[in-house]
Amino acid sequence: MDLVLSTSDLKPGDYIIVKFETSNKRKLIYKYVASVLKIADVNDIEIQCFESIDEENTEFVPIDNDVSMIGIESIVGKLPIPELKLSGRQLKSVFPGVVDVFEKF
């Protein structure tokens, strides 16, 4: 995983790990795979979040209607470009190794 210091380190189509922090007492930090849709400005990035579909956390699919705008501080790191595989009618993004995510179920 590569470090991302600024939006100049990203381009549309890149895959990243993003963190979302809860605002309740427990202060959980969820981590999701996302793809960069658009760099809006110096600190705003539009992303599409993905969810894992296997126990090893190597295969991911987009979460329907889950597009967000995040700041650079929400990015944990940049992932390698995954292999895209068609499974039935679903396009999966398959990474070469385990991806460290913590998803809300």
PDB file of N, CA and C in Angstrom:
ATOM      1  N   MET A   1       0.854  -1.169   0.000  1.00  0.00           N
ATOM      2  CA  MET A   1       0.000   0.000   0.000  1.00  0.00           C
ATOM      3  C   MET A   1       0.901   1.234   0.000  1.00  0.00           C
ATOM      4  N   ASP A   2       0.569   2.188  -0.860  1.00  0.00           N
ATOM      5  CA  ASP A   2       1.343   3.417  -0.972  1.00  0.00           C
ATOM      6  C   ASP A   2       0.737   4.518  -0.113  1.00  0.00           C
ATOM      7  N   LEU A   3       1.578   5.406   0.374  1.00  0.00           N
ATOM      8  CA  LEU A   3       1.160   6.558   1.158  1.00  0.00           C
ATOM      9  C   LEU A   3       0.619   7.642   0.228  1.00  0.00           C
ATOM     10  N   VAL A   4      -0.443   8.310   0.644  1.00  0.00           N
ATOM     11  CA  VAL A   4      -1.025   9.416  -0.125  1.00  0.00           C
ATOM     12  C   VAL A   4      -0.900  10.687   0.707  1.00  0.00           C
ATOM     13  N   LEU A   5      -0.101  11.634   0.215  1.00  0.00           N
ATOM     14  CA  LEU A   5       0.128  12.872   0.957  1.00  0.00           C
ATOM     15  C   LEU A   5      -0.691  14.042   0.440  1.00  0.00           C
ATOM     16  N   SER A   6      -1.062  13.987  -0.838  1.00  0.00           N
ATOM     17  CA  SER A   6      -1.867  15.070  -1.413  1.00  0.00           C
ATOM     18  C   SER A   6      -2.683  14.517  -2.581  1.00  0.00           C
ATOM     19  N   THR A   7      -3.620  15.337  -3.061  1.00  0.00           N
ATOM     20  CA  THR A   7      -4.450  14.897  -4.191  1.00  0.00           C
ATOM     21  C   THR A   7      -3.623  14.705  -5.454  1.00  0.00           C
ATOM     22  N   SER A   8      -2.433  15.292  -5.519  1.00  0.00           N
ATOM     23  CA  SER A   8      -1.574  15.091  -6.701  1.00  0.00           C
ATOM     24  C   SER A   8      -1.066  13.648  -6.778  1.00  0.00           C
ATOM     25  N   ASP A   9      -1.165  12.888  -5.671  1.00  0.00           N
ATOM     26  CA  ASP A   9      -0.775  11.479  -5.652  1.00  0.00           C
ATOM     27  C   ASP A   9      -1.884  10.573  -6.182  1.00  0.00           C
ATOM     28  N   LEU A  10      -3.047  11.141  -6.524  1.00  0.00           N
ATOM     29  CA  LEU A  10      -4.215  10.356  -6.945  1.00  0.00           C
ATOM     30  C   LEU A  10      -4.696  10.765  -8.324  1.00  0.00           C
ATOM     31  N   LYS A  11      -5.410   9.822  -8.957  1.00  0.00           N
ATOM     32  CA  LYS A  11      -6.101  10.118 -10.217  1.00  0.00           C
ATOM     33  C   LYS A  11      -7.379   9.282 -10.259  1.00  0.00           C
ATOM     34  N   PRO A  12      -8.368   9.717 -11.025  1.00  0.00           N
ATOM     35  CA  PRO A  12      -9.589   8.904 -11.151  1.00  0.00           C
ATOM     36  C   PRO A  12      -9.242   7.477 -11.578  1.00  0.00           C
ATOM     37  N   GLY A  13      -9.883   6.516 -10.923  1.00  0.00           N
ATOM     38  CA  GLY A  13      -9.623   5.108 -11.209  1.00  0.00           C
ATOM     39  C   GLY A  13      -8.703   4.452 -10.201  1.00  0.00           C
ATOM     40  N   ASP A  14      -7.980   5.248  -9.402  1.00  0.00           N
ATOM     41  CA  ASP A  14      -7.127   4.676  -8.362  1.00  0.00           C
ATOM     42  C   ASP A  14      -7.987   4.037  -7.278  1.00  0.00           C
ATOM     43  N   TYR A  15      -7.449   3.004  -6.651  1.00  0.00           N
ATOM     44  CA  TYR A  15      -8.113   2.342  -5.524  1.00  0.00           C
ATOM     45  C   TYR A  15      -7.398   2.733  -4.238  1.00  0.00           C
ATOM     46  N   ILE A  16      -8.176   3.057  -3.215  1.00  0.00           N
ATOM     47  CA  ILE A  16      -7.630   3.518  -1.948  1.00  0.00           C
ATOM     48  C   ILE A  16      -8.365   2.842  -0.796  1.00  0.00           C
ATOM     49  N   ILE A  17      -7.788   2.936   0.393  1.00  0.00           N
ATOM     50  CA  ILE A  17      -8.497   2.556   1.620  1.00  0.00           C
ATOM     51  C   ILE A  17      -8.844   3.858   2.319  1.00  0.00           C
ATOM     52  N   VAL A  18     -10.121   3.990   2.687  1.00  0.00           N
ATOM     53  CA  VAL A  18     -10.576   5.195   3.370  1.00  0.00           C
ATOM     54  C   VAL A  18     -11.121   4.825   4.743  1.00  0.00           C
ATOM     55  N   LYS A  19     -11.034   5.783   5.670  1.00  0.00           N
ATOM     56  CA  LYS A  19     -11.562   5.540   7.016  1.00  0.00           C
ATOM     57  C   LYS A  19     -12.728   6.474   7.276  1.00  0.00           C
ATOM     58  N   PHE A  20     -13.714   5.929   7.971  1.00  0.00           N
ATOM     59  CA  PHE A  20     -14.886   6.679   8.412  1.00  0.00           C
ATOM     60  C   PHE A  20     -15.006   6.475   9.918  1.00  0.00           C
ATOM     61  N   GLU A  21     -15.008   7.558  10.677  1.00  0.00           N
ATOM     62  CA  GLU A  21     -15.072   7.485  12.132  1.00  0.00           C
ATOM     63  C   GLU A  21     -16.496   7.737  12.606  1.00  0.00           C
ATOM     64  N   THR A  22     -16.958   6.903  13.540  1.00  0.00           N
ATOM     65  CA  THR A  22     -18.292   7.108  14.095  1.00  0.00           C
ATOM     66  C   THR A  22     -18.248   8.254  15.100  1.00  0.00           C
ATOM     67  N   SER A  23     -19.393   8.875  15.322  1.00  0.00           N
ATOM     68  CA  SER A  23     -19.431  10.011  16.254  1.00  0.00           C
ATOM     69  C   SER A  23     -20.070   9.649  17.594  1.00  0.00           C
ATOM     70  N   ASN A  24     -20.290   8.364  17.817  1.00  0.00           N
ATOM     71  CA  ASN A  24     -20.880   7.962  19.105  1.00  0.00           C
ATOM     72  C   ASN A  24     -19.784   7.706  20.147  1.00  0.00           C
ATOM     73  N   LYS A  25     -20.162   7.252  21.321  1.00  0.00           N
ATOM     74  CA  LYS A  25     -19.218   7.040  22.427  1.00  0.00           C
ATOM     75  C   LYS A  25     -18.107   6.047  22.092  1.00  0.00           C
ATOM     76  N   ARG A  26     -18.447   5.038  21.320  1.00  0.00           N
ATOM     77  CA  ARG A  26     -17.483   3.957  21.057  1.00  0.00           C
ATOM     78  C   ARG A  26     -16.373   4.354  20.097  1.00  0.00           C
ATOM     79  N   LYS A  27     -16.540   5.396  19.325  1.00  0.00           N
ATOM     80  CA  LYS A  27     -15.518   5.912  18.399  1.00  0.00           C
ATOM     81  C   LYS A  27     -14.891   4.811  17.546  1.00  0.00           C
ATOM     82  N   LEU A  28     -15.713   4.099  16.808  1.00  0.00           N
ATOM     83  CA  LEU A  28     -15.206   3.079  15.897  1.00  0.00           C
ATOM     84  C   LEU A  28     -14.678   3.729  14.629  1.00  0.00           C
ATOM     85  N   ILE A  29     -13.660   3.119  14.063  1.00  0.00           N
ATOM     86  CA  ILE A  29     -13.137   3.588  12.783  1.00  0.00           C
ATOM     87  C   ILE A  29     -13.299   2.458  11.776  1.00  0.00           C
ATOM     88  N   TYR A  30     -14.182   2.679  10.806  1.00  0.00           N
ATOM     89  CA  TYR A  30     -14.400   1.712   9.738  1.00  0.00           C
ATOM     90  C   TYR A  30     -13.447   2.016   8.595  1.00  0.00           C
ATOM     91  N   LYS A  31     -12.964   0.965   7.923  1.00  0.00           N
ATOM     92  CA  LYS A  31     -12.076   1.137   6.769  1.00  0.00           C
ATOM     93  C   LYS A  31     -12.677   0.395   5.578  1.00  0.00           C
ATOM     94  N   TYR A  32     -12.780   1.106   4.459  1.00  0.00           N
ATOM     95  CA  TYR A  32     -13.368   0.558   3.242  1.00  0.00           C
ATOM     96  C   TYR A  32     -12.432   0.737   2.061  1.00  0.00           C
ATOM     97  N   VAL A  33     -12.546  -0.170   1.110  1.00  0.00           N
ATOM     98  CA  VAL A  33     -11.916   0.023  -0.192  1.00  0.00           C
ATOM     99  C   VAL A  33     -12.806   0.980  -0.976  1.00  0.00           C
ATOM    100  N   ALA A  34     -12.191   1.883  -1.721  1.00  0.00           N
ATOM    101  CA  ALA A  34     -12.940   2.831  -2.546  1.00  0.00           C
ATOM    102  C   ALA A  34     -12.150   3.110  -3.814  1.00  0.00           C
ATOM    103  N   SER A  35     -12.850   3.533  -4.834  1.00  0.00           N
ATOM    104  CA  SER A  35     -12.169   3.985  -6.050  1.00  0.00           C
ATOM    105  C   SER A  35     -12.395   5.488  -6.180  1.00  0.00           C
ATOM    106  N   VAL A  36     -11.394   6.163  -6.694  1.00  0.00           N
ATOM    107  CA  VAL A  36     -11.467   7.604  -6.894  1.00  0.00           C
ATOM    108  C   VAL A  36     -12.284   7.872  -8.157  1.00  0.00           C
ATOM    109  N   LEU A  37     -13.351   8.653  -8.005  1.00  0.00           N
ATOM    110  CA  LEU A  37     -14.170   9.041  -9.156  1.00  0.00           C
ATOM    111  C   LEU A  37     -13.704  10.376  -9.726  1.00  0.00           C
ATOM    112  N   LYS A  38     -13.422  11.333  -8.808  1.00  0.00           N
ATOM    113  CA  LYS A  38     -13.073  12.672  -9.262  1.00  0.00           C
ATOM    114  C   LYS A  38     -12.306  13.403  -8.169  1.00  0.00           C
ATOM    115  N   ILE A  39     -11.298  14.178  -8.584  1.00  0.00           N
ATOM    116  CA  ILE A  39     -10.597  15.080  -7.667  1.00  0.00           C
ATOM    117  C   ILE A  39     -11.287  16.432  -7.817  1.00  0.00           C
ATOM    118  N   ALA A  40     -12.058  16.835  -6.804  1.00  0.00           N
ATOM    119  CA  ALA A  40     -12.841  18.074  -6.900  1.00  0.00           C
ATOM    120  C   ALA A  40     -11.974  19.310  -6.688  1.00  0.00           C
ATOM    121  N   ASP A  41     -11.104  19.291  -5.690  1.00  0.00           N
ATOM    122  CA  ASP A  41     -10.145  20.372  -5.477  1.00  0.00           C
ATOM    123  C   ASP A  41      -9.012  19.857  -4.601  1.00  0.00           C
ATOM    124  N   VAL A  42      -8.248  20.737  -3.998  1.00  0.00           N
ATOM    125  CA  VAL A  42      -7.055  20.355  -3.239  1.00  0.00           C
ATOM    126  C   VAL A  42      -7.345  19.337  -2.133  1.00  0.00           C
ATOM    127  N   ASN A  43      -8.516  19.411  -1.516  1.00  0.00           N
ATOM    128  CA  ASN A  43      -8.801  18.512  -0.398  1.00  0.00           C
ATOM    129  C   ASN A  43     -10.072  17.681  -0.579  1.00  0.00           C
ATOM    130  N   ASP A  44     -10.809  17.835  -1.651  1.00  0.00           N
ATOM    131  CA  ASP A  44     -12.064  17.102  -1.829  1.00  0.00           C
ATOM    132  C   ASP A  44     -11.949  16.060  -2.934  1.00  0.00           C
ATOM    133  N   ILE A  45     -12.277  14.818  -2.562  1.00  0.00           N
ATOM    134  CA  ILE A  45     -12.171  13.690  -3.486  1.00  0.00           C
ATOM    135  C   ILE A  45     -13.497  12.946  -3.484  1.00  0.00           C
ATOM    136  N   GLU A  46     -14.053  12.724  -4.672  1.00  0.00           N
ATOM    137  CA  GLU A  46     -15.293  11.951  -4.787  1.00  0.00           C
ATOM    138  C   GLU A  46     -14.924  10.490  -4.981  1.00  0.00           C
ATOM    139  N   ILE A  47     -15.544   9.628  -4.157  1.00  0.00           N
ATOM    140  CA  ILE A  47     -15.200   8.200  -4.178  1.00  0.00           C
ATOM    141  C   ILE A  47     -16.444   7.322  -4.289  1.00  0.00           C
ATOM    142  N   GLN A  48     -16.227   6.097  -4.743  1.00  0.00           N
ATOM    143  CA  GLN A  48     -17.231   5.032  -4.750  1.00  0.00           C
ATOM    144  C   GLN A  48     -16.725   3.962  -3.804  1.00  0.00           C
ATOM    145  N   CYS A  49     -17.491   3.635  -2.749  1.00  0.00           N
ATOM    146  CA  CYS A  49     -17.071   2.619  -1.781  1.00  0.00           C
ATOM    147  C   CYS A  49     -17.413   1.213  -2.266  1.00  0.00           C
ATOM    148  N   PHE A  50     -16.604   0.265  -1.828  1.00  0.00           N
ATOM    149  CA  PHE A  50     -16.746  -1.145  -2.179  1.00  0.00           C
ATOM    150  C   PHE A  50     -16.905  -1.961  -0.906  1.00  0.00           C
ATOM    151  N   GLU A  51     -17.442  -3.189  -1.064  1.00  0.00           N
ATOM    152  CA  GLU A  51     -17.523  -4.118   0.071  1.00  0.00           C
ATOM    153  C   GLU A  51     -16.887  -5.445  -0.321  1.00  0.00           C
ATOM    154  N   SER A  52     -16.329  -6.103   0.675  1.00  0.00           N
ATOM    155  CA  SER A  52     -15.695  -7.398   0.464  1.00  0.00           C
ATOM    156  C   SER A  52     -16.773  -8.464   0.268  1.00  0.00           C
ATOM    157  N   ILE A  53     -16.499  -9.398  -0.634  1.00  0.00           N
ATOM    158  CA  ILE A  53     -17.456 -10.486  -0.862  1.00  0.00           C
ATOM    159  C   ILE A  53     -16.842 -11.860  -0.573  1.00  0.00           C
ATOM    160  N   ASP A  54     -15.630 -11.868  -0.008  1.00  0.00           N
ATOM    161  CA  ASP A  54     -15.019 -13.141   0.367  1.00  0.00           C
ATOM    162  C   ASP A  54     -14.398 -13.009   1.760  1.00  0.00           C
ATOM    163  N   GLU A  55     -14.156 -14.135   2.403  1.00  0.00           N
ATOM    164  CA  GLU A  55     -13.625 -14.138   3.766  1.00  0.00           C
ATOM    165  C   GLU A  55     -12.181 -13.655   3.841  1.00  0.00           C
ATOM    166  N   GLU A  56     -11.443 -13.773   2.746  1.00  0.00           N
ATOM    167  CA  GLU A  56     -10.035 -13.378   2.737  1.00  0.00           C
ATOM    168  C   GLU A  56      -9.836 -11.885   2.505  1.00  0.00           C
ATOM    169  N   ASN A  57     -10.916 -11.150   2.197  1.00  0.00           N
ATOM    170  CA  ASN A  57     -10.839  -9.719   1.878  1.00  0.00           C
ATOM    171  C   ASN A  57      -9.898  -9.435   0.703  1.00  0.00           C
ATOM    172  N   THR A  58     -10.100 -10.187  -0.378  1.00  0.00           N
ATOM    173  CA  THR A  58      -9.345  -9.932  -1.609  1.00  0.00           C
ATOM    174  C   THR A  58     -10.270  -9.531  -2.757  1.00  0.00           C
ATOM    175  N   GLU A  59     -11.569  -9.888  -2.662  1.00  0.00           N
ATOM    176  CA  GLU A  59     -12.533  -9.602  -3.734  1.00  0.00           C
ATOM    177  C   GLU A  59     -13.564  -8.583  -3.242  1.00  0.00           C
ATOM    178  N   PHE A  60     -13.763  -7.537  -4.058  1.00  0.00           N
ATOM    179  CA  PHE A  60     -14.649  -6.442  -3.674  1.00  0.00           C
ATOM    180  C   PHE A  60     -15.572  -6.067  -4.821  1.00  0.00           C
ATOM    181  N   VAL A  61     -16.771  -5.610  -4.463  1.00  0.00           N
ATOM    182  CA  VAL A  61     -17.741  -5.103  -5.444  1.00  0.00           C
ATOM    183  C   VAL A  61     -18.237  -3.739  -4.963  1.00  0.00           C
ATOM    184  N   PRO A  62     -18.647  -2.873  -5.899  1.00  0.00           N
ATOM    185  CA  PRO A  62     -19.160  -1.560  -5.496  1.00  0.00           C
ATOM    186  C   PRO A  62     -20.428  -1.696  -4.657  1.00  0.00           C
ATOM    187  N   ILE A  63     -20.576  -0.815  -3.670  1.00  0.00           N
ATOM    188  CA  ILE A  63     -21.794  -0.746  -2.874  1.00  0.00           C
ATOM    189  C   ILE A  63     -22.742   0.193  -3.612  1.00  0.00           C
ATOM    190  N   ASP A  64     -23.930  -0.301  -3.954  1.00  0.00           N
ATOM    191  CA  ASP A  64     -24.897   0.512  -4.700  1.00  0.00           C
ATOM    192  C   ASP A  64     -25.167   1.833  -3.996  1.00  0.00           C
ATOM    193  N   ASN A  65     -25.169   2.911  -4.763  1.00  0.00           N
ATOM    194  CA  ASN A  65     -25.507   4.256  -4.276  1.00  0.00           C
ATOM    195  C   ASN A  65     -24.634   4.712  -3.104  1.00  0.00           C
ATOM    196  N   ASP A  66     -23.379   4.276  -3.061  1.00  0.00           N
ATOM    197  CA  ASP A  66     -22.484   4.697  -1.982  1.00  0.00           C
ATOM    198  C   ASP A  66     -21.334   5.531  -2.539  1.00  0.00           C
ATOM    199  N   VAL A  67     -21.670   6.739  -2.961  1.00  0.00           N
ATOM    200  CA  VAL A  67     -20.695   7.714  -3.451  1.00  0.00           C
ATOM    201  C   VAL A  67     -20.565   8.778  -2.380  1.00  0.00           C
ATOM    202  N   SER A  68     -19.323   9.110  -2.027  1.00  0.00           N
ATOM    203  CA  SER A  68     -19.073  10.086  -0.959  1.00  0.00           C
ATOM    204  C   SER A  68     -18.027  11.090  -1.397  1.00  0.00           C
ATOM    205  N   MET A  69     -18.002  12.216  -0.698  1.00  0.00           N
ATOM    206  CA  MET A  69     -16.957  13.215  -0.857  1.00  0.00           C
ATOM    207  C   MET A  69     -16.130  13.163   0.424  1.00  0.00           C
ATOM    208  N   ILE A  70     -14.822  12.968   0.294  1.00  0.00           N
ATOM    209  CA  ILE A  70     -13.952  12.869   1.461  1.00  0.00           C
ATOM    210  C   ILE A  70     -12.809  13.867   1.341  1.00  0.00           C
ATOM    211  N   GLY A  71     -12.139  14.099   2.459  1.00  0.00           N
ATOM    212  CA  GLY A  71     -10.928  14.899   2.479  1.00  0.00           C
ATOM    213  C   GLY A  71      -9.712  13.992   2.452  1.00  0.00           C
ATOM    214  N   ILE A  72      -8.576  14.544   2.124  1.00  0.00           N
ATOM    215  CA  ILE A  72      -7.334  13.778   2.016  1.00  0.00           C
ATOM    216  C   ILE A  72      -6.990  13.071   3.332  1.00  0.00           C
ATOM    217  N   GLU A  73      -7.401  13.649   4.468  1.00  0.00           N
ATOM    218  CA  GLU A  73      -7.085  13.061   5.779  1.00  0.00           C
ATOM    219  C   GLU A  73      -7.823  11.746   6.023  1.00  0.00           C
ATOM    220  N   SER A  74      -8.829  11.445   5.230  1.00  0.00           N
ATOM    221  CA  SER A  74      -9.584  10.193   5.380  1.00  0.00           C
ATOM    222  C   SER A  74      -8.950   9.022   4.640  1.00  0.00           C
ATOM    223  N   ILE A  75      -7.902   9.292   3.886  1.00  0.00           N
ATOM    224  CA  ILE A  75      -7.254   8.237   3.099  1.00  0.00           C
ATOM    225  C   ILE A  75      -6.173   7.559   3.923  1.00  0.00           C
ATOM    226  N   VAL A  76      -6.283   6.242   4.046  1.00  0.00           N
ATOM    227  CA  VAL A  76      -5.299   5.441   4.770  1.00  0.00           C
ATOM    228  C   VAL A  76      -4.120   5.132   3.859  1.00  0.00           C
ATOM    229  N   GLY A  77      -4.402   4.805   2.598  1.00  0.00           N
ATOM    230  CA  GLY A  77      -3.339   4.489   1.647  1.00  0.00           C
ATOM    231  C   GLY A  77      -3.899   4.141   0.283  1.00  0.00           C
ATOM    232  N   LYS A  78      -3.000   4.034  -0.684  1.00  0.00           N
ATOM    233  CA  LYS A  78      -3.360   3.705  -2.062  1.00  0.00           C
ATOM    234  C   LYS A  78      -3.047   2.237  -2.324  1.00  0.00           C
ATOM    235  N   LEU A  79      -4.013   1.546  -2.926  1.00  0.00           N
ATOM    236  CA  LEU A  79      -3.881   0.116  -3.211  1.00  0.00           C
ATOM    237  C   LEU A  79      -3.365  -0.113  -4.629  1.00  0.00           C
ATOM    238  N   PRO A  80      -2.819  -1.301  -4.880  1.00  0.00           N
ATOM    239  CA  PRO A  80      -2.451  -1.634  -6.262  1.00  0.00           C
ATOM    240  C   PRO A  80      -3.712  -1.774  -7.108  1.00  0.00           C
ATOM    241  N   ILE A  81      -3.573  -1.606  -8.406  1.00  0.00           N
ATOM    242  CA  ILE A  81      -4.710  -1.766  -9.313  1.00  0.00           C
ATOM    243  C   ILE A  81      -5.131  -3.245  -9.289  1.00  0.00           C
ATOM    244  N   PRO A  82      -6.409  -3.515  -9.001  1.00  0.00           N
ATOM    245  CA  PRO A  82      -6.855  -4.912  -8.928  1.00  0.00           C
ATOM    246  C   PRO A  82      -7.122  -5.498 -10.317  1.00  0.00           C
ATOM    247  N   GLU A  83      -7.234  -6.806 -10.354  1.00  0.00           N
ATOM    248  CA  GLU A  83      -7.677  -7.500 -11.566  1.00  0.00           C
ATOM    249  C   GLU A  83      -9.201  -7.446 -11.569  1.00  0.00           C
ATOM    250  N   LEU A  84      -9.793  -7.097 -12.696  1.00  0.00           N
ATOM    251  CA  LEU A  84     -11.251  -7.044 -12.798  1.00  0.00           C
ATOM    252  C   LEU A  84     -11.754  -8.360 -13.381  1.00  0.00           C
ATOM    253  N   LYS A  85     -12.713  -8.994 -12.693  1.00  0.00           N
ATOM    254  CA  LYS A  85     -13.260 -10.280 -13.133  1.00  0.00           C
ATOM    255  C   LYS A  85     -14.773 -10.184 -13.163  1.00  0.00           C
ATOM    256  N   LEU A  86     -15.344 -10.730 -14.205  1.00  0.00           N
ATOM    257  CA  LEU A  86     -16.793 -10.775 -14.329  1.00  0.00           C
ATOM    258  C   LEU A  86     -17.293 -12.070 -13.705  1.00  0.00           C
ATOM    259  N   SER A  87     -18.220 -11.949 -12.758  1.00  0.00           N
ATOM    260  CA  SER A  87     -18.805 -13.103 -12.097  1.00  0.00           C
ATOM    261  C   SER A  87     -20.311 -12.995 -12.267  1.00  0.00           C
ATOM    262  N   GLY A  88     -20.849 -13.733 -13.224  1.00  0.00           N
ATOM    263  CA  GLY A  88     -22.265 -13.581 -13.559  1.00  0.00           C
ATOM    264  C   GLY A  88     -22.470 -12.209 -14.169  1.00  0.00           C
ATOM    265  N   ARG A  89     -23.290 -11.393 -13.521  1.00  0.00           N
ATOM    266  CA  ARG A  89     -23.528 -10.025 -14.001  1.00  0.00           C
ATOM    267  C   ARG A  89     -22.776  -8.993 -13.167  1.00  0.00           C
ATOM    268  N   GLN A  90     -21.914  -9.457 -12.272  1.00  0.00           N
ATOM    269  CA  GLN A  90     -21.224  -8.580 -11.348  1.00  0.00           C
ATOM    270  C   GLN A  90     -19.735  -8.489 -11.676  1.00  0.00           C
ATOM    271  N   LEU A  91     -19.209  -7.255 -11.694  1.00  0.00           N
ATOM    272  CA  LEU A  91     -17.792  -7.034 -11.930  1.00  0.00           C
ATOM    273  C   LEU A  91     -17.082  -6.937 -10.587  1.00  0.00           C
ATOM    274  N   LYS A  92     -16.152  -7.868 -10.347  1.00  0.00           N
ATOM    275  CA  LYS A  92     -15.410  -7.906  -9.087  1.00  0.00           C
ATOM    276  C   LYS A  92     -14.030  -7.295  -9.282  1.00  0.00           C
ATOM    277  N   SER A  93     -13.559  -6.609  -8.256  1.00  0.00           N
ATOM    278  CA  SER A  93     -12.185  -6.123  -8.211  1.00  0.00           C
ATOM    279  C   SER A  93     -11.420  -7.074  -7.303  1.00  0.00           C
ATOM    280  N   VAL A  94     -10.414  -7.763  -7.852  1.00  0.00           N
ATOM    281  CA  VAL A  94      -9.678  -8.772  -7.094  1.00  0.00           C
ATOM    282  C   VAL A  94      -8.247  -8.285  -6.865  1.00  0.00           C
ATOM    283  N   PHE A  95      -7.877  -8.155  -5.592  1.00  0.00           N
ATOM    284  CA  PHE A  95      -6.544  -7.685  -5.227  1.00  0.00           C
ATOM    285  C   PHE A  95      -5.609  -8.868  -5.025  1.00  0.00           C
ATOM    286  N   PRO A  96      -4.294  -8.667  -5.235  1.00  0.00           N
ATOM    287  CA  PRO A  96      -3.342  -9.779  -5.143  1.00  0.00           C
ATOM    288  C   PRO A  96      -3.127 -10.315  -3.737  1.00  0.00           C
ATOM    289  N   GLY A  97      -3.513  -9.572  -2.711  1.00  0.00           N
ATOM    290  CA  GLY A  97      -3.347 -10.020  -1.334  1.00  0.00           C
ATOM    291  C   GLY A  97      -4.494  -9.545  -0.477  1.00  0.00           C
ATOM    292  N   VAL A  98      -4.433  -9.885   0.797  1.00  0.00           N
ATOM    293  CA  VAL A  98      -5.472  -9.499   1.754  1.00  0.00           C
ATOM    294  C   VAL A  98      -5.461  -7.979   1.930  1.00  0.00           C
ATOM    295  N   VAL A  99      -6.659  -7.385   1.934  1.00  0.00           N
ATOM    296  CA  VAL A  99      -6.793  -5.945   2.155  1.00  0.00           C
ATOM    297  C   VAL A  99      -7.351  -5.747   3.565  1.00  0.00           C
ATOM    298  N   ASP A 100      -6.697  -4.893   4.334  1.00  0.00           N
ATOM    299  CA  ASP A 100      -7.068  -4.661   5.735  1.00  0.00           C
ATOM    300  C   ASP A 100      -8.243  -3.687   5.801  1.00  0.00           C
ATOM    301  N   VAL A 101      -9.459  -4.247   5.875  1.00  0.00           N
ATOM    302  CA  VAL A 101     -10.680  -3.426   5.964  1.00  0.00           C
ATOM    303  C   VAL A 101     -11.411  -3.765   7.257  1.00  0.00           C
ATOM    304  N   PHE A 102     -12.263  -2.841   7.698  1.00  0.00           N
ATOM    305  CA  PHE A 102     -13.151  -3.063   8.839  1.00  0.00           C
ATOM    306  C   PHE A 102     -14.476  -2.452   8.435  1.00  0.00           C
ATOM    307  N   GLU A 103     -15.373  -3.315   7.931  1.00  0.00           N
ATOM    308  CA  GLU A 103     -16.622  -2.856   7.336  1.00  0.00           C
ATOM    309  C   GLU A 103     -17.779  -3.021   8.317  1.00  0.00           C
ATOM    310  N   LYS A 104     -18.738  -2.116   8.212  1.00  0.00           N
ATOM    311  CA  LYS A 104     -19.963  -2.200   9.015  1.00  0.00           C
ATOM    312  C   LYS A 104     -20.918  -3.165   8.320  1.00  0.00           C
ATOM    313  N   PHE A 105     -21.472  -4.103   9.079  1.00  0.00           N
ATOM    314  CA  PHE A 105     -22.391  -5.073   8.487  1.00  0.00           C
ATOM    315  C   PHE A 105     -23.798  -4.832   8.915  1.00  0.00           C
TER     316      PHE A 105
END
